[in-house]
Amino acid sequence: MARHIYRCPLRWSDMDAFGHVNNVVFVRYLEEARIDFMFRLAPGDGSPSFQGGSVVARHEIDYKRPLVHRHEPVIIESWVTKMGAASLTISYEIKEPGDGGLVYVTASTVVVPYDLAAGRPRRITAEEKAFLRDYLDDDGARADGQERAAA
């Protein structure tokens, strides 16, 4: 399973009165990483995958330790932990660079592909599933009803 890596810069305005990154700002960091993952890495030039829109159905965040402002970016690792017919769950770690880096936040987001023109959720396309499978955690490998090949 691959993980998407996003280097997230910290901004001075991200801090709150207590001198650490505000809890709400972490949701923005997750959004930046998710958009980078789903849109910049969408398969194929000119592919319509992930371009039709999506909505967030749920966020779950566990704050592990405070993060204070500094000039070096944090790393956000993202991967898919569940994939159904019309939704997927993306998990994240916001952490220090390098193996064994301190983890500030663990989180997950349920994303529902959405047809903006029709104003309703849509199914995940075959092209999108093929792209997402590379990032599917081994524990969620059969969540979409398909067996993964043994390594």
N, C-alpha and C. Protein backbone atom coordinates (compact mmCIF):
# COMPACT_ATOMS: atom_id res chain seq x y z
N MET A 1 0.84 -1.17 0.00
CA MET A 1 0.00 0.00 0.00
C MET A 1 0.89 1.24 0.00
N ALA A 2 0.57 2.16 -0.88
CA ALA A 2 1.27 3.43 -0.93
C ALA A 2 0.57 4.45 -0.04
N ARG A 3 1.32 5.43 0.39
CA ARG A 3 0.74 6.56 1.11
C ARG A 3 1.05 7.82 0.33
N HIS A 4 0.08 8.69 0.24
CA HIS A 4 0.30 9.99 -0.37
C HIS A 4 0.99 10.88 0.66
N ILE A 5 2.03 11.58 0.24
CA ILE A 5 2.79 12.45 1.12
C ILE A 5 2.57 13.90 0.69
N TYR A 6 2.15 14.72 1.63
CA TYR A 6 1.94 16.15 1.37
C TYR A 6 2.74 16.94 2.39
N ARG A 7 3.57 17.85 1.89
CA ARG A 7 4.35 18.73 2.77
C ARG A 7 3.53 19.98 3.01
N CYS A 8 3.05 20.16 4.22
CA CYS A 8 2.13 21.25 4.55
C CYS A 8 2.85 22.37 5.29
N PRO A 9 2.91 23.55 4.66
CA PRO A 9 3.54 24.67 5.36
C PRO A 9 2.65 25.18 6.49
N LEU A 10 3.29 25.69 7.53
CA LEU A 10 2.56 26.30 8.65
C LEU A 10 2.58 27.81 8.45
N ARG A 11 1.48 28.44 8.77
CA ARG A 11 1.37 29.88 8.63
C ARG A 11 1.29 30.53 10.01
N TRP A 12 1.85 31.72 10.13
CA TRP A 12 1.83 32.43 11.41
C TRP A 12 0.40 32.55 11.92
N SER A 13 -0.55 32.78 11.02
CA SER A 13 -1.95 32.97 11.40
C SER A 13 -2.62 31.67 11.87
N ASP A 14 -1.94 30.54 11.73
CA ASP A 14 -2.50 29.26 12.18
C ASP A 14 -2.51 29.13 13.71
N MET A 15 -1.70 29.95 14.37
CA MET A 15 -1.58 29.85 15.83
C MET A 15 -2.75 30.52 16.53
N ASP A 16 -3.06 30.02 17.71
CA ASP A 16 -4.10 30.64 18.53
C ASP A 16 -3.44 31.38 19.70
N ALA A 17 -4.25 31.87 20.61
CA ALA A 17 -3.75 32.66 21.75
C ALA A 17 -2.83 31.86 22.67
N PHE A 18 -2.88 30.54 22.59
CA PHE A 18 -2.05 29.69 23.45
C PHE A 18 -0.70 29.36 22.81
N GLY A 19 -0.45 29.88 21.58
CA GLY A 19 0.85 29.71 20.94
C GLY A 19 1.01 28.43 20.17
N HIS A 20 -0.06 27.69 19.93
CA HIS A 20 0.05 26.48 19.12
C HIS A 20 -0.99 26.53 18.01
N VAL A 21 -0.84 25.64 17.03
CA VAL A 21 -1.77 25.59 15.90
C VAL A 21 -3.16 25.27 16.44
N ASN A 22 -4.13 26.08 16.05
CA ASN A 22 -5.50 25.93 16.52
C ASN A 22 -6.11 24.64 15.99
N ASN A 23 -6.98 24.02 16.77
CA ASN A 23 -7.57 22.74 16.39
C ASN A 23 -8.34 22.83 15.07
N VAL A 24 -8.99 23.95 14.79
CA VAL A 24 -9.75 24.10 13.55
C VAL A 24 -8.83 24.13 12.33
N VAL A 25 -7.63 24.65 12.50
CA VAL A 25 -6.68 24.75 11.39
C VAL A 25 -6.29 23.36 10.90
N PHE A 26 -6.25 22.37 11.80
CA PHE A 26 -5.91 21.02 11.38
C PHE A 26 -6.89 20.50 10.33
N VAL A 27 -8.15 20.89 10.41
CA VAL A 27 -9.13 20.47 9.40
C VAL A 27 -8.75 21.06 8.04
N ARG A 28 -8.25 22.29 8.03
CA ARG A 28 -7.78 22.88 6.77
C ARG A 28 -6.56 22.13 6.23
N TYR A 29 -5.65 21.75 7.13
CA TYR A 29 -4.49 20.97 6.69
C TYR A 29 -4.94 19.66 6.03
N LEU A 30 -5.90 18.99 6.65
CA LEU A 30 -6.42 17.74 6.08
C LEU A 30 -7.04 17.99 4.71
N GLU A 31 -7.76 19.08 4.58
CA GLU A 31 -8.38 19.44 3.30
C GLU A 31 -7.30 19.64 2.23
N GLU A 32 -6.24 20.38 2.55
CA GLU A 32 -5.16 20.60 1.60
C GLU A 32 -4.57 19.28 1.13
N ALA A 33 -4.29 18.39 2.07
CA ALA A 33 -3.71 17.08 1.72
C ALA A 33 -4.67 16.25 0.88
N ARG A 34 -5.95 16.26 1.25
CA ARG A 34 -6.96 15.48 0.53
C ARG A 34 -7.13 15.98 -0.91
N ILE A 35 -7.16 17.29 -1.09
CA ILE A 35 -7.29 17.86 -2.43
C ILE A 35 -6.05 17.54 -3.27
N ASP A 36 -4.88 17.66 -2.66
CA ASP A 36 -3.65 17.30 -3.37
C ASP A 36 -3.68 15.84 -3.80
N PHE A 37 -4.15 14.98 -2.93
CA PHE A 37 -4.25 13.54 -3.21
C PHE A 37 -5.27 13.25 -4.31
N MET A 38 -6.47 13.75 -4.16
CA MET A 38 -7.56 13.35 -5.06
C MET A 38 -7.55 14.09 -6.40
N PHE A 39 -7.06 15.31 -6.45
CA PHE A 39 -7.15 16.08 -7.68
C PHE A 39 -5.85 16.15 -8.45
N ARG A 40 -4.75 16.40 -7.78
CA ARG A 40 -3.48 16.46 -8.50
C ARG A 40 -3.00 15.10 -8.94
N LEU A 41 -3.35 14.07 -8.19
CA LEU A 41 -2.92 12.73 -8.55
C LEU A 41 -3.99 11.94 -9.30
N ALA A 42 -5.06 12.61 -9.70
CA ALA A 42 -6.12 11.93 -10.45
C ALA A 42 -5.52 11.33 -11.72
N PRO A 43 -5.94 10.13 -12.07
CA PRO A 43 -5.33 9.42 -13.19
C PRO A 43 -5.59 10.09 -14.54
N GLY A 44 -4.55 10.08 -15.39
CA GLY A 44 -4.69 10.48 -16.78
C GLY A 44 -4.83 11.98 -17.02
N ASP A 45 -4.20 12.45 -18.06
CA ASP A 45 -4.36 13.84 -18.46
C ASP A 45 -5.77 14.03 -19.00
N GLY A 46 -6.44 15.05 -18.51
CA GLY A 46 -7.80 15.33 -18.98
C GLY A 46 -8.84 14.38 -18.43
N SER A 47 -8.46 13.52 -17.51
CA SER A 47 -9.41 12.58 -16.92
C SER A 47 -10.45 13.33 -16.11
N PRO A 48 -11.71 12.93 -16.23
CA PRO A 48 -12.74 13.59 -15.41
C PRO A 48 -12.78 13.07 -13.97
N SER A 49 -11.94 12.09 -13.64
CA SER A 49 -11.97 11.51 -12.30
C SER A 49 -11.80 12.57 -11.23
N PHE A 50 -12.61 12.48 -10.23
CA PHE A 50 -12.60 13.36 -9.06
C PHE A 50 -12.93 14.82 -9.40
N GLN A 51 -13.20 15.12 -10.65
CA GLN A 51 -13.46 16.51 -11.03
C GLN A 51 -14.92 16.90 -10.83
N GLY A 52 -15.81 15.94 -10.72
CA GLY A 52 -17.23 16.24 -10.60
C GLY A 52 -17.65 16.74 -9.25
N GLY A 53 -16.76 16.69 -8.29
CA GLY A 53 -17.06 17.17 -6.96
C GLY A 53 -17.15 16.05 -5.95
N SER A 54 -17.02 16.42 -4.71
CA SER A 54 -17.18 15.48 -3.60
C SER A 54 -17.57 16.30 -2.38
N VAL A 55 -18.18 15.61 -1.44
CA VAL A 55 -18.55 16.25 -0.18
C VAL A 55 -17.98 15.44 0.97
N VAL A 56 -17.73 16.12 2.06
CA VAL A 56 -17.26 15.46 3.27
C VAL A 56 -18.48 15.08 4.09
N ALA A 57 -18.59 13.80 4.40
CA ALA A 57 -19.70 13.32 5.22
C ALA A 57 -19.33 13.25 6.70
N ARG A 58 -18.02 13.10 6.98
CA ARG A 58 -17.61 12.95 8.38
C ARG A 58 -16.12 13.22 8.51
N HIS A 59 -15.74 13.88 9.61
CA HIS A 59 -14.35 14.02 10.02
C HIS A 59 -14.21 13.42 11.41
N GLU A 60 -13.10 12.76 11.65
CA GLU A 60 -12.78 12.26 12.98
C GLU A 60 -11.31 12.60 13.23
N ILE A 61 -11.03 13.32 14.31
CA ILE A 61 -9.68 13.80 14.57
C ILE A 61 -9.27 13.49 16.01
N ASP A 62 -8.08 12.93 16.16
CA ASP A 62 -7.48 12.72 17.47
C ASP A 62 -6.23 13.58 17.55
N TYR A 63 -6.24 14.52 18.48
CA TYR A 63 -5.10 15.41 18.69
C TYR A 63 -4.14 14.74 19.68
N LYS A 64 -2.93 14.48 19.23
CA LYS A 64 -1.95 13.73 20.04
C LYS A 64 -1.03 14.64 20.85
N ARG A 65 -0.63 15.78 20.26
CA ARG A 65 0.28 16.71 20.94
C ARG A 65 0.18 18.06 20.26
N PRO A 66 0.52 19.14 20.96
CA PRO A 66 0.45 20.47 20.35
C PRO A 66 1.51 20.66 19.27
N LEU A 67 1.17 21.44 18.29
CA LEU A 67 2.10 21.80 17.22
C LEU A 67 2.27 23.31 17.26
N VAL A 68 3.52 23.76 17.38
CA VAL A 68 3.79 25.20 17.40
C VAL A 68 4.34 25.62 16.05
N HIS A 69 4.19 26.91 15.76
CA HIS A 69 4.64 27.42 14.47
C HIS A 69 6.15 27.27 14.32
N ARG A 70 6.55 26.93 13.10
CA ARG A 70 7.96 26.89 12.72
C ARG A 70 8.01 27.04 11.21
N HIS A 71 9.18 27.21 10.65
CA HIS A 71 9.30 27.43 9.21
C HIS A 71 9.26 26.14 8.40
N GLU A 72 9.62 25.02 8.99
CA GLU A 72 9.63 23.75 8.28
C GLU A 72 8.20 23.19 8.20
N PRO A 73 7.83 22.65 7.05
CA PRO A 73 6.48 22.07 6.93
C PRO A 73 6.36 20.77 7.73
N VAL A 74 5.12 20.41 8.02
CA VAL A 74 4.84 19.09 8.58
C VAL A 74 4.49 18.17 7.41
N ILE A 75 4.56 16.90 7.66
CA ILE A 75 4.20 15.89 6.66
C ILE A 75 2.79 15.40 6.97
N ILE A 76 1.97 15.30 5.93
CA ILE A 76 0.66 14.68 6.09
C ILE A 76 0.64 13.46 5.18
N GLU A 77 0.57 12.29 5.81
CA GLU A 77 0.45 11.04 5.06
C GLU A 77 -1.02 10.70 4.96
N SER A 78 -1.47 10.34 3.76
CA SER A 78 -2.87 9.99 3.52
C SER A 78 -2.95 8.64 2.83
N TRP A 79 -3.98 7.87 3.17
CA TRP A 79 -4.22 6.59 2.52
C TRP A 79 -5.70 6.26 2.67
N VAL A 80 -6.15 5.30 1.89
CA VAL A 80 -7.56 4.89 1.90
C VAL A 80 -7.71 3.70 2.83
N THR A 81 -8.66 3.79 3.76
CA THR A 81 -8.89 2.67 4.68
C THR A 81 -10.19 1.93 4.38
N LYS A 82 -11.06 2.56 3.60
CA LYS A 82 -12.32 1.89 3.23
C LYS A 82 -12.80 2.47 1.91
N MET A 83 -13.30 1.58 1.05
CA MET A 83 -13.84 2.03 -0.22
C MET A 83 -15.12 1.25 -0.50
N GLY A 84 -16.21 1.96 -0.64
CA GLY A 84 -17.49 1.35 -0.97
C GLY A 84 -17.92 1.76 -2.36
N ALA A 85 -19.16 1.55 -2.68
CA ALA A 85 -19.68 1.89 -4.00
C ALA A 85 -19.80 3.40 -4.19
N ALA A 86 -20.12 4.12 -3.10
CA ALA A 86 -20.37 5.55 -3.24
C ALA A 86 -19.73 6.37 -2.13
N SER A 87 -18.71 5.82 -1.48
CA SER A 87 -17.98 6.60 -0.48
C SER A 87 -16.62 5.95 -0.24
N LEU A 88 -15.72 6.74 0.34
CA LEU A 88 -14.42 6.21 0.73
C LEU A 88 -13.99 6.91 1.99
N THR A 89 -13.14 6.24 2.75
CA THR A 89 -12.59 6.82 3.96
C THR A 89 -11.10 7.00 3.75
N ILE A 90 -10.64 8.23 3.97
CA ILE A 90 -9.23 8.57 3.88
C ILE A 90 -8.72 8.77 5.31
N SER A 91 -7.62 8.12 5.64
CA SER A 91 -6.98 8.29 6.95
C SER A 91 -5.72 9.11 6.78
N TYR A 92 -5.32 9.76 7.87
CA TYR A 92 -4.18 10.67 7.82
C TYR A 92 -3.36 10.58 9.10
N GLU A 93 -2.08 10.95 8.96
CA GLU A 93 -1.22 11.27 10.08
C GLU A 93 -0.55 12.59 9.76
N ILE A 94 -0.63 13.54 10.66
CA ILE A 94 0.13 14.78 10.54
C ILE A 94 1.31 14.63 11.48
N LYS A 95 2.52 14.70 10.91
CA LYS A 95 3.68 14.33 11.71
C LYS A 95 4.95 15.02 11.25
N GLU A 96 6.01 14.78 12.00
CA GLU A 96 7.34 15.24 11.64
C GLU A 96 7.86 14.41 10.48
N PRO A 97 8.72 14.98 9.64
CA PRO A 97 9.32 14.20 8.56
C PRO A 97 10.17 13.05 9.09
N GLY A 98 10.35 12.04 8.28
CA GLY A 98 11.22 10.92 8.61
C GLY A 98 10.52 9.77 9.29
N ASP A 99 11.16 8.62 9.24
CA ASP A 99 10.61 7.44 9.89
C ASP A 99 10.58 7.67 11.40
N GLY A 100 9.47 7.30 12.01
CA GLY A 100 9.33 7.45 13.45
C GLY A 100 9.12 8.88 13.91
N GLY A 101 8.76 9.78 12.98
CA GLY A 101 8.54 11.18 13.34
C GLY A 101 7.37 11.33 14.30
N LEU A 102 7.45 12.29 15.19
CA LEU A 102 6.37 12.55 16.14
C LEU A 102 5.06 12.79 15.40
N VAL A 103 3.99 12.19 15.90
CA VAL A 103 2.66 12.35 15.30
C VAL A 103 1.89 13.37 16.13
N TYR A 104 1.39 14.40 15.45
CA TYR A 104 0.59 15.44 16.10
C TYR A 104 -0.90 15.11 16.06
N VAL A 105 -1.34 14.55 14.94
CA VAL A 105 -2.76 14.28 14.73
C VAL A 105 -2.92 13.00 13.93
N THR A 106 -3.93 12.20 14.31
CA THR A 106 -4.42 11.12 13.45
C THR A 106 -5.86 11.49 13.14
N ALA A 107 -6.30 11.18 11.92
CA ALA A 107 -7.64 11.60 11.52
C ALA A 107 -8.16 10.72 10.40
N SER A 108 -9.45 10.84 10.16
CA SER A 108 -10.06 10.19 9.00
C SER A 108 -11.21 11.05 8.50
N THR A 109 -11.47 10.92 7.21
CA THR A 109 -12.54 11.66 6.56
C THR A 109 -13.32 10.72 5.66
N VAL A 110 -14.64 10.73 5.78
CA VAL A 110 -15.50 10.00 4.85
C VAL A 110 -15.85 10.97 3.73
N VAL A 111 -15.50 10.59 2.50
CA VAL A 111 -15.72 11.42 1.33
C VAL A 111 -16.76 10.74 0.44
N VAL A 112 -17.71 11.52 -0.05
CA VAL A 112 -18.76 11.01 -0.93
C VAL A 112 -18.63 11.74 -2.27
N PRO A 113 -18.34 11.01 -3.36
CA PRO A 113 -18.34 11.67 -4.67
C PRO A 113 -19.72 12.27 -4.93
N TYR A 114 -19.73 13.42 -5.58
CA TYR A 114 -20.98 14.16 -5.72
C TYR A 114 -21.12 14.69 -7.14
N ASP A 115 -22.30 14.53 -7.69
CA ASP A 115 -22.63 15.08 -9.01
C ASP A 115 -23.21 16.47 -8.78
N LEU A 116 -22.40 17.49 -9.01
CA LEU A 116 -22.83 18.86 -8.73
C LEU A 116 -24.01 19.27 -9.62
N ALA A 117 -23.99 18.86 -10.88
CA ALA A 117 -25.07 19.24 -11.79
C ALA A 117 -26.41 18.64 -11.36
N ALA A 118 -26.37 17.37 -10.93
CA ALA A 118 -27.61 16.68 -10.53
C ALA A 118 -27.97 16.98 -9.07
N GLY A 119 -27.00 17.47 -8.30
CA GLY A 119 -27.25 17.79 -6.90
C GLY A 119 -27.45 16.56 -6.02
N ARG A 120 -26.68 15.50 -6.30
CA ARG A 120 -26.81 14.28 -5.50
C ARG A 120 -25.51 13.47 -5.52
N PRO A 121 -25.37 12.58 -4.54
CA PRO A 121 -24.18 11.71 -4.52
C PRO A 121 -24.13 10.83 -5.77
N ARG A 122 -22.92 10.38 -6.09
CA ARG A 122 -22.74 9.47 -7.22
C ARG A 122 -21.85 8.32 -6.80
N ARG A 123 -21.78 7.31 -7.64
CA ARG A 123 -20.92 6.15 -7.38
C ARG A 123 -19.47 6.49 -7.74
N ILE A 124 -18.55 5.77 -7.13
CA ILE A 124 -17.14 5.88 -7.48
C ILE A 124 -16.94 5.17 -8.81
N THR A 125 -16.30 5.82 -9.76
CA THR A 125 -16.11 5.23 -11.09
C THR A 125 -15.03 4.15 -11.04
N ALA A 126 -14.99 3.32 -12.07
CA ALA A 126 -13.98 2.27 -12.18
C ALA A 126 -12.57 2.88 -12.23
N GLU A 127 -12.42 3.98 -12.94
CA GLU A 127 -11.11 4.65 -13.04
C GLU A 127 -10.68 5.17 -11.66
N GLU A 128 -11.61 5.75 -10.91
CA GLU A 128 -11.28 6.24 -9.57
C GLU A 128 -10.91 5.09 -8.64
N LYS A 129 -11.67 3.98 -8.72
CA LYS A 129 -11.34 2.81 -7.88
C LYS A 129 -9.95 2.27 -8.20
N ALA A 130 -9.61 2.22 -9.48
CA ALA A 130 -8.29 1.71 -9.87
C ALA A 130 -7.19 2.59 -9.28
N PHE A 131 -7.37 3.89 -9.29
CA PHE A 131 -6.40 4.81 -8.71
C PHE A 131 -6.32 4.64 -7.20
N LEU A 132 -7.47 4.58 -6.54
CA LEU A 132 -7.53 4.50 -5.08
C LEU A 132 -6.98 3.19 -4.53
N ARG A 133 -7.10 2.10 -5.27
CA ARG A 133 -6.63 0.79 -4.79
C ARG A 133 -5.15 0.79 -4.43
N ASP A 134 -4.37 1.60 -5.14
CA ASP A 134 -2.93 1.68 -4.82
C ASP A 134 -2.68 2.24 -3.42
N TYR A 135 -3.65 2.97 -2.89
CA TYR A 135 -3.53 3.61 -1.58
C TYR A 135 -4.40 2.94 -0.53
N LEU A 136 -4.97 1.79 -0.88
CA LEU A 136 -5.88 1.10 0.03
C LEU A 136 -5.10 0.29 1.06
N ASP A 137 -5.35 0.57 2.32
CA ASP A 137 -4.72 -0.14 3.43
C ASP A 137 -5.08 -1.62 3.33
N ASP A 138 -4.16 -2.48 3.69
CA ASP A 138 -4.39 -3.92 3.61
C ASP A 138 -5.60 -4.36 4.41
N ASP A 139 -5.90 -3.68 5.52
CA ASP A 139 -7.07 -4.04 6.32
C ASP A 139 -8.37 -3.71 5.60
N GLY A 140 -8.34 -2.76 4.67
CA GLY A 140 -9.54 -2.39 3.92
C GLY A 140 -9.52 -2.91 2.50
N ALA A 141 -8.57 -3.82 2.22
CA ALA A 141 -8.35 -4.27 0.85
C ALA A 141 -9.57 -4.92 0.22
N ARG A 142 -10.40 -5.58 1.00
CA ARG A 142 -11.57 -6.24 0.42
C ARG A 142 -12.86 -5.45 0.67
N ALA A 143 -12.72 -4.21 1.11
CA ALA A 143 -13.89 -3.39 1.41
C ALA A 143 -14.74 -3.12 0.17
N ASP A 144 -14.10 -3.12 -1.00
CA ASP A 144 -14.86 -2.87 -2.21
C ASP A 144 -15.30 -4.19 -2.88
N GLY A 145 -15.16 -5.29 -2.16
CA GLY A 145 -15.62 -6.58 -2.66
C GLY A 145 -14.65 -7.28 -3.59
N GLN A 146 -13.42 -6.81 -3.67
CA GLN A 146 -12.45 -7.42 -4.57
C GLN A 146 -11.24 -7.89 -3.78
N GLU A 147 -10.75 -9.04 -4.10
CA GLU A 147 -9.55 -9.57 -3.46
C GLU A 147 -8.33 -8.88 -4.05
N ARG A 148 -7.35 -8.64 -3.22
CA ARG A 148 -6.09 -8.10 -3.70
C ARG A 148 -5.13 -9.25 -3.93
N ALA A 149 -4.29 -9.09 -4.90
CA ALA A 149 -3.31 -10.14 -5.22
C ALA A 149 -2.31 -10.23 -4.08
N ALA A 150 -1.90 -11.45 -3.77
CA ALA A 150 -0.90 -11.67 -2.73
C ALA A 150 0.45 -11.16 -3.23
N ALA A 151 1.21 -10.59 -2.31
CA ALA A 151 2.51 -10.03 -2.69
C ALA A 151 3.52 -11.12 -2.91
